Amino acid sequence: MKNEIKEITSEETLDIRNKVMWPNKSIDYVRISNDSEGRHFGLFINDKLISVISLFINDNSAQFRKFATLTNYQGNGYGSVLLNEIINIVERDKIDKLWCNARVDKSEFYLKFGLKFTDIQFQRGEINYVIMEKMLN
């Protein structure tokens, strides 16, 4: 199987965001008001988009958002490949901090990449989140 990471449009992220993150909501629910300001990446397996992530850079800080992998592809390392690429991009661009709003039940995944918990937690809908960050460079 051939996998490839490509920069994609925000529109191309919506279907996977919706199916994985908020399947019981409308597709508009997974749009971000500043999607046009971000860079969006997709992991393709044999030309099929299976994982997406969006990156927003503000000054010397980068936030990744709406990171999702199709359920039947989870647990195979594809998300790790995509997140590692984002970390490489941010490091190459000499950004000092990478952070995300992590779902608490998925936060262990991010620890493997050197992200650490902050004291900031919040809830959206029924989902609990914690802000996690990694200092770079």
N, C-alpha and C. Protein backbone atom coordinates (compact mmCIF):
# COMPACT_ATOMS: atom_id res chain seq x y z
N MET A 1 0.84 -1.18 0.00
CA MET A 1 0.00 0.00 0.00
C MET A 1 0.88 1.24 0.00
N LYS A 2 0.52 2.19 -0.83
CA LYS A 2 1.26 3.43 -0.94
C LYS A 2 0.56 4.50 -0.11
N ASN A 3 1.31 5.12 0.81
CA ASN A 3 0.71 6.25 1.53
C ASN A 3 1.44 7.53 1.18
N GLU A 4 0.68 8.62 1.20
CA GLU A 4 1.22 9.92 0.82
C GLU A 4 0.49 10.99 1.61
N ILE A 5 1.26 11.98 2.08
CA ILE A 5 0.68 13.14 2.76
C ILE A 5 0.70 14.30 1.78
N LYS A 6 -0.46 14.94 1.64
CA LYS A 6 -0.57 16.08 0.72
C LYS A 6 -1.29 17.21 1.42
N GLU A 7 -0.97 18.44 1.02
CA GLU A 7 -1.74 19.58 1.48
C GLU A 7 -3.06 19.58 0.71
N ILE A 8 -4.17 19.76 1.42
CA ILE A 8 -5.50 19.70 0.83
C ILE A 8 -6.28 20.97 1.21
N THR A 9 -7.48 21.09 0.70
CA THR A 9 -8.33 22.23 1.07
C THR A 9 -9.10 21.91 2.34
N SER A 10 -9.59 22.95 2.98
CA SER A 10 -10.41 22.74 4.18
C SER A 10 -11.67 21.95 3.83
N GLU A 11 -12.22 22.18 2.64
CA GLU A 11 -13.42 21.44 2.23
C GLU A 11 -13.17 19.94 2.17
N GLU A 12 -11.97 19.56 1.78
CA GLU A 12 -11.63 18.14 1.69
C GLU A 12 -11.54 17.47 3.05
N THR A 13 -11.41 18.25 4.11
CA THR A 13 -11.30 17.67 5.46
C THR A 13 -12.68 17.37 6.06
N LEU A 14 -13.71 18.02 5.56
CA LEU A 14 -15.00 18.04 6.25
C LEU A 14 -15.65 16.67 6.42
N ASP A 15 -15.61 15.84 5.39
CA ASP A 15 -16.28 14.55 5.48
C ASP A 15 -15.68 13.68 6.59
N ILE A 16 -14.36 13.63 6.66
CA ILE A 16 -13.71 12.81 7.70
C ILE A 16 -13.91 13.45 9.07
N ARG A 17 -13.78 14.77 9.17
CA ARG A 17 -14.06 15.44 10.45
C ARG A 17 -15.44 15.06 10.95
N ASN A 18 -16.41 15.12 10.06
CA ASN A 18 -17.79 14.85 10.43
C ASN A 18 -17.99 13.38 10.83
N LYS A 19 -17.53 12.45 10.02
CA LYS A 19 -17.72 11.02 10.29
C LYS A 19 -17.06 10.58 11.59
N VAL A 20 -15.87 11.11 11.86
CA VAL A 20 -15.08 10.63 12.99
C VAL A 20 -15.38 11.40 14.28
N MET A 21 -15.47 12.73 14.18
CA MET A 21 -15.53 13.54 15.39
C MET A 21 -16.95 13.82 15.85
N TRP A 22 -17.83 14.14 14.94
CA TRP A 22 -19.19 14.54 15.28
C TRP A 22 -20.18 13.90 14.32
N PRO A 23 -20.29 12.58 14.31
CA PRO A 23 -21.14 11.89 13.33
C PRO A 23 -22.63 12.21 13.46
N ASN A 24 -23.05 12.68 14.63
CA ASN A 24 -24.46 12.97 14.82
C ASN A 24 -24.80 14.44 14.59
N LYS A 25 -23.84 15.20 14.10
CA LYS A 25 -24.04 16.63 13.82
C LYS A 25 -23.98 16.85 12.31
N SER A 26 -24.41 18.03 11.90
CA SER A 26 -24.34 18.36 10.48
C SER A 26 -22.90 18.66 10.09
N ILE A 27 -22.63 18.63 8.81
CA ILE A 27 -21.28 18.91 8.32
C ILE A 27 -20.85 20.33 8.67
N ASP A 28 -21.80 21.25 8.77
CA ASP A 28 -21.46 22.62 9.14
C ASP A 28 -20.89 22.71 10.56
N TYR A 29 -21.24 21.76 11.40
CA TYR A 29 -20.76 21.75 12.77
C TYR A 29 -19.24 21.57 12.84
N VAL A 30 -18.65 20.92 11.85
CA VAL A 30 -17.21 20.65 11.88
C VAL A 30 -16.39 21.68 11.12
N ARG A 31 -17.06 22.67 10.55
CA ARG A 31 -16.33 23.78 9.92
C ARG A 31 -15.77 24.67 11.03
N ILE A 32 -14.64 25.28 10.75
CA ILE A 32 -14.04 26.23 11.68
C ILE A 32 -14.13 27.59 11.02
N SER A 33 -14.50 28.60 11.78
CA SER A 33 -14.71 29.93 11.20
C SER A 33 -13.45 30.44 10.50
N ASN A 34 -12.27 30.05 10.96
CA ASN A 34 -11.04 30.51 10.32
C ASN A 34 -10.35 29.43 9.50
N ASP A 35 -11.12 28.46 9.00
CA ASP A 35 -10.54 27.40 8.16
C ASP A 35 -9.70 27.97 7.02
N SER A 36 -10.13 29.10 6.46
CA SER A 36 -9.42 29.68 5.32
C SER A 36 -8.02 30.17 5.70
N GLU A 37 -7.77 30.35 7.00
CA GLU A 37 -6.47 30.83 7.46
C GLU A 37 -5.49 29.69 7.75
N GLY A 38 -5.97 28.46 7.73
CA GLY A 38 -5.13 27.33 8.09
C GLY A 38 -4.55 26.61 6.89
N ARG A 39 -3.66 25.70 7.21
CA ARG A 39 -3.13 24.75 6.23
C ARG A 39 -3.71 23.41 6.60
N HIS A 40 -4.13 22.66 5.62
CA HIS A 40 -4.84 21.41 5.85
C HIS A 40 -4.08 20.29 5.14
N PHE A 41 -3.95 19.17 5.84
CA PHE A 41 -3.18 18.06 5.32
C PHE A 41 -3.99 16.78 5.38
N GLY A 42 -3.75 15.91 4.42
CA GLY A 42 -4.43 14.64 4.39
C GLY A 42 -3.44 13.52 4.14
N LEU A 43 -3.71 12.38 4.76
CA LEU A 43 -2.94 11.17 4.50
C LEU A 43 -3.78 10.29 3.59
N PHE A 44 -3.20 9.93 2.48
CA PHE A 44 -3.88 9.11 1.47
C PHE A 44 -3.25 7.73 1.44
N ILE A 45 -4.08 6.71 1.38
CA ILE A 45 -3.64 5.34 1.17
C ILE A 45 -4.17 4.93 -0.19
N ASN A 46 -3.26 4.62 -1.11
CA ASN A 46 -3.68 4.28 -2.48
C ASN A 46 -4.69 5.29 -3.02
N ASP A 47 -4.39 6.57 -2.86
CA ASP A 47 -5.21 7.69 -3.34
C ASP A 47 -6.53 7.88 -2.61
N LYS A 48 -6.76 7.16 -1.51
CA LYS A 48 -7.98 7.34 -0.70
C LYS A 48 -7.61 8.16 0.54
N LEU A 49 -8.31 9.27 0.75
CA LEU A 49 -8.07 10.12 1.92
C LEU A 49 -8.61 9.41 3.16
N ILE A 50 -7.72 9.17 4.14
CA ILE A 50 -8.14 8.42 5.33
C ILE A 50 -7.89 9.16 6.65
N SER A 51 -7.08 10.23 6.62
CA SER A 51 -6.77 10.97 7.84
C SER A 51 -6.53 12.43 7.49
N VAL A 52 -7.01 13.33 8.36
CA VAL A 52 -6.88 14.77 8.10
C VAL A 52 -6.44 15.49 9.37
N ILE A 53 -5.80 16.64 9.16
CA ILE A 53 -5.39 17.50 10.26
C ILE A 53 -5.29 18.92 9.70
N SER A 54 -5.61 19.90 10.54
CA SER A 54 -5.52 21.30 10.14
C SER A 54 -4.55 22.02 11.05
N LEU A 55 -3.75 22.90 10.47
CA LEU A 55 -2.69 23.59 11.20
C LEU A 55 -2.89 25.10 11.08
N PHE A 56 -2.87 25.77 12.23
CA PHE A 56 -3.07 27.22 12.29
C PHE A 56 -1.87 27.83 13.01
N ILE A 57 -1.16 28.71 12.30
CA ILE A 57 0.03 29.33 12.85
C ILE A 57 -0.28 30.79 13.17
N ASN A 58 0.03 31.17 14.41
CA ASN A 58 -0.20 32.53 14.87
C ASN A 58 1.06 32.98 15.60
N ASP A 59 1.75 33.96 15.03
CA ASP A 59 3.03 34.41 15.56
C ASP A 59 3.98 33.23 15.64
N ASN A 60 4.41 32.85 16.82
CA ASN A 60 5.39 31.77 16.95
C ASN A 60 4.78 30.54 17.62
N SER A 61 3.48 30.38 17.41
CA SER A 61 2.74 29.26 18.00
C SER A 61 1.89 28.61 16.91
N ALA A 62 1.82 27.29 16.93
CA ALA A 62 1.02 26.57 15.94
C ALA A 62 0.05 25.64 16.67
N GLN A 63 -1.20 25.72 16.26
CA GLN A 63 -2.23 24.84 16.82
C GLN A 63 -2.68 23.88 15.73
N PHE A 64 -2.72 22.58 16.07
CA PHE A 64 -3.36 21.66 15.14
C PHE A 64 -4.76 21.35 15.66
N ARG A 65 -5.68 21.24 14.71
CA ARG A 65 -7.09 21.06 15.05
C ARG A 65 -7.71 20.04 14.11
N LYS A 66 -8.84 19.53 14.55
CA LYS A 66 -9.67 18.65 13.72
C LYS A 66 -8.85 17.50 13.12
N PHE A 67 -8.08 16.86 13.98
CA PHE A 67 -7.25 15.72 13.61
C PHE A 67 -8.12 14.47 13.70
N ALA A 68 -8.31 13.80 12.58
CA ALA A 68 -9.22 12.66 12.57
C ALA A 68 -8.77 11.63 11.53
N THR A 69 -8.91 10.37 11.90
CA THR A 69 -8.62 9.25 11.01
C THR A 69 -9.87 8.38 10.93
N LEU A 70 -10.22 7.97 9.73
CA LEU A 70 -11.39 7.11 9.56
C LEU A 70 -11.28 5.91 10.51
N THR A 71 -12.38 5.57 11.14
CA THR A 71 -12.40 4.56 12.19
C THR A 71 -11.75 3.24 11.78
N ASN A 72 -12.06 2.75 10.59
CA ASN A 72 -11.53 1.44 10.19
C ASN A 72 -10.03 1.48 9.85
N TYR A 73 -9.41 2.67 9.89
CA TYR A 73 -7.97 2.79 9.67
C TYR A 73 -7.23 3.13 10.97
N GLN A 74 -7.97 3.38 12.05
CA GLN A 74 -7.33 3.74 13.32
C GLN A 74 -6.58 2.55 13.90
N GLY A 75 -5.53 2.85 14.67
CA GLY A 75 -4.75 1.80 15.32
C GLY A 75 -3.68 1.18 14.43
N ASN A 76 -3.48 1.74 13.25
CA ASN A 76 -2.49 1.21 12.31
C ASN A 76 -1.30 2.15 12.11
N GLY A 77 -1.23 3.22 12.89
CA GLY A 77 -0.10 4.13 12.81
C GLY A 77 -0.24 5.27 11.81
N TYR A 78 -1.37 5.34 11.10
CA TYR A 78 -1.53 6.38 10.08
C TYR A 78 -1.61 7.78 10.72
N GLY A 79 -2.34 7.89 11.81
CA GLY A 79 -2.41 9.17 12.50
C GLY A 79 -1.05 9.61 13.00
N SER A 80 -0.26 8.66 13.48
CA SER A 80 1.10 8.97 13.95
C SER A 80 1.96 9.51 12.81
N VAL A 81 1.84 8.91 11.65
CA VAL A 81 2.60 9.38 10.48
C VAL A 81 2.21 10.82 10.15
N LEU A 82 0.91 11.11 10.16
CA LEU A 82 0.44 12.45 9.83
C LEU A 82 0.86 13.47 10.89
N LEU A 83 0.72 13.14 12.16
CA LEU A 83 1.12 14.07 13.22
C LEU A 83 2.63 14.30 13.20
N ASN A 84 3.41 13.27 12.94
CA ASN A 84 4.86 13.46 12.84
C ASN A 84 5.21 14.43 11.72
N GLU A 85 4.48 14.37 10.62
CA GLU A 85 4.72 15.31 9.51
C GLU A 85 4.42 16.74 9.94
N ILE A 86 3.34 16.92 10.70
CA ILE A 86 2.99 18.26 11.20
C ILE A 86 4.09 18.77 12.13
N ILE A 87 4.58 17.92 13.01
CA ILE A 87 5.67 18.31 13.91
C ILE A 87 6.90 18.70 13.10
N ASN A 88 7.22 17.94 12.06
CA ASN A 88 8.37 18.28 11.21
C ASN A 88 8.18 19.63 10.52
N ILE A 89 6.99 19.91 10.03
CA ILE A 89 6.70 21.18 9.36
C ILE A 89 6.90 22.34 10.34
N VAL A 90 6.35 22.19 11.53
CA VAL A 90 6.43 23.25 12.54
C VAL A 90 7.88 23.48 12.96
N GLU A 91 8.62 22.40 13.15
CA GLU A 91 10.04 22.54 13.51
C GLU A 91 10.83 23.20 12.39
N ARG A 92 10.55 22.80 11.15
CA ARG A 92 11.24 23.38 9.99
C ARG A 92 10.95 24.88 9.87
N ASP A 93 9.73 25.28 10.23
CA ASP A 93 9.35 26.69 10.17
C ASP A 93 9.78 27.47 11.41
N LYS A 94 10.53 26.80 12.30
CA LYS A 94 11.09 27.44 13.50
C LYS A 94 10.02 28.01 14.43
N ILE A 95 8.91 27.31 14.54
CA ILE A 95 7.84 27.68 15.45
C ILE A 95 8.24 27.20 16.85
N ASP A 96 7.96 28.01 17.88
CA ASP A 96 8.38 27.66 19.24
C ASP A 96 7.45 26.70 19.96
N LYS A 97 6.15 26.77 19.64
CA LYS A 97 5.21 25.95 20.41
C LYS A 97 4.17 25.33 19.49
N LEU A 98 3.88 24.07 19.73
CA LEU A 98 2.80 23.35 19.05
C LEU A 98 1.80 22.95 20.13
N TRP A 99 0.52 23.16 19.84
CA TRP A 99 -0.49 22.83 20.86
C TRP A 99 -1.78 22.38 20.20
N CYS A 100 -2.65 21.79 21.05
CA CYS A 100 -3.95 21.34 20.57
C CYS A 100 -4.94 21.29 21.72
N ASN A 101 -6.21 21.27 21.35
CA ASN A 101 -7.29 20.98 22.29
C ASN A 101 -7.54 19.48 22.18
N ALA A 102 -7.00 18.71 23.10
CA ALA A 102 -7.09 17.25 23.02
C ALA A 102 -8.33 16.75 23.74
N ARG A 103 -9.05 15.83 23.10
CA ARG A 103 -10.10 15.15 23.82
C ARG A 103 -9.43 14.38 24.95
N VAL A 104 -9.94 14.51 26.16
CA VAL A 104 -9.30 13.88 27.32
C VAL A 104 -9.13 12.38 27.09
N ASP A 105 -10.12 11.73 26.48
CA ASP A 105 -10.02 10.28 26.27
C ASP A 105 -9.00 9.90 25.19
N LYS A 106 -8.47 10.87 24.46
CA LYS A 106 -7.44 10.61 23.44
C LYS A 106 -6.08 11.19 23.82
N SER A 107 -5.99 11.80 25.00
CA SER A 107 -4.79 12.55 25.38
C SER A 107 -3.54 11.67 25.52
N GLU A 108 -3.70 10.41 25.87
CA GLU A 108 -2.53 9.52 25.99
C GLU A 108 -1.78 9.42 24.67
N PHE A 109 -2.50 9.46 23.57
CA PHE A 109 -1.89 9.40 22.24
C PHE A 109 -0.88 10.53 22.06
N TYR A 110 -1.24 11.73 22.49
CA TYR A 110 -0.39 12.90 22.27
C TYR A 110 0.85 12.90 23.16
N LEU A 111 0.78 12.22 24.29
CA LEU A 111 1.96 12.13 25.16
C LEU A 111 3.13 11.47 24.43
N LYS A 112 2.83 10.53 23.54
CA LYS A 112 3.87 9.82 22.79
C LYS A 112 4.66 10.76 21.87
N PHE A 113 4.10 11.91 21.58
CA PHE A 113 4.75 12.87 20.68
C PHE A 113 5.37 14.04 21.45
N GLY A 114 5.42 13.92 22.76
CA GLY A 114 6.05 14.93 23.58
C GLY A 114 5.15 16.09 23.98
N LEU A 115 3.86 16.01 23.66
CA LEU A 115 2.95 17.04 24.14
C LEU A 115 2.69 16.80 25.62
N LYS A 116 2.54 17.88 26.35
CA LYS A 116 2.31 17.79 27.79
C LYS A 116 0.99 18.48 28.14
N PHE A 117 0.40 18.01 29.24
CA PHE A 117 -0.85 18.60 29.71
C PHE A 117 -0.62 20.00 30.24
N THR A 118 -1.57 20.89 29.99
CA THR A 118 -1.60 22.18 30.68
C THR A 118 -2.70 22.07 31.74
N ASP A 119 -2.90 23.15 32.47
CA ASP A 119 -3.96 23.17 33.49
C ASP A 119 -5.32 23.57 32.91
N ILE A 120 -5.36 23.82 31.60
CA ILE A 120 -6.59 24.34 30.99
C ILE A 120 -7.44 23.19 30.45
N GLN A 121 -8.64 23.07 31.00
CA GLN A 121 -9.60 22.07 30.55
C GLN A 121 -10.93 22.76 30.27
N PHE A 122 -11.71 22.17 29.36
CA PHE A 122 -13.02 22.72 29.05
C PHE A 122 -13.88 21.62 28.45
N GLN A 123 -15.12 21.94 28.22
CA GLN A 123 -16.07 20.98 27.68
C GLN A 123 -16.78 21.60 26.48
N ARG A 124 -16.99 20.80 25.43
CA ARG A 124 -17.79 21.21 24.28
C ARG A 124 -18.77 20.08 24.02
N GLY A 125 -20.03 20.41 24.08
CA GLY A 125 -21.02 19.33 24.01
C GLY A 125 -20.81 18.44 25.21
N GLU A 126 -20.75 17.15 24.97
CA GLU A 126 -20.52 16.19 26.07
C GLU A 126 -19.05 15.79 26.18
N ILE A 127 -18.18 16.43 25.40
CA ILE A 127 -16.78 16.02 25.31
C ILE A 127 -15.90 16.91 26.21
N ASN A 128 -15.03 16.25 26.99
CA ASN A 128 -14.07 16.95 27.84
C ASN A 128 -12.75 17.08 27.09
N TYR A 129 -12.17 18.28 27.16
CA TYR A 129 -10.91 18.58 26.47
C TYR A 129 -9.88 19.09 27.47
N VAL A 130 -8.61 18.92 27.10
CA VAL A 130 -7.49 19.50 27.83
C VAL A 130 -6.55 20.09 26.78
N ILE A 131 -6.01 21.25 27.06
CA ILE A 131 -5.02 21.82 26.15
C ILE A 131 -3.68 21.14 26.44
N MET A 132 -3.06 20.66 25.36
CA MET A 132 -1.74 20.03 25.46
C MET A 132 -0.78 20.81 24.56
N GLU A 133 0.49 20.85 24.97
CA GLU A 133 1.45 21.64 24.20
C GLU A 133 2.83 21.00 24.22
N LYS A 134 3.62 21.40 23.23
CA LYS A 134 5.00 20.94 23.12
C LYS A 134 5.85 22.13 22.74
N MET A 135 6.88 22.39 23.51
CA MET A 135 7.82 23.46 23.19
C MET A 135 8.85 22.90 22.23
N LEU A 136 9.17 23.69 21.18
CA LEU A 136 10.08 23.24 20.13
C LEU A 136 11.25 24.19 20.01
N ASN A 137 12.20 23.80 19.18
CA ASN A 137 13.36 24.64 18.79
C ASN A 137 14.07 25.23 19.99
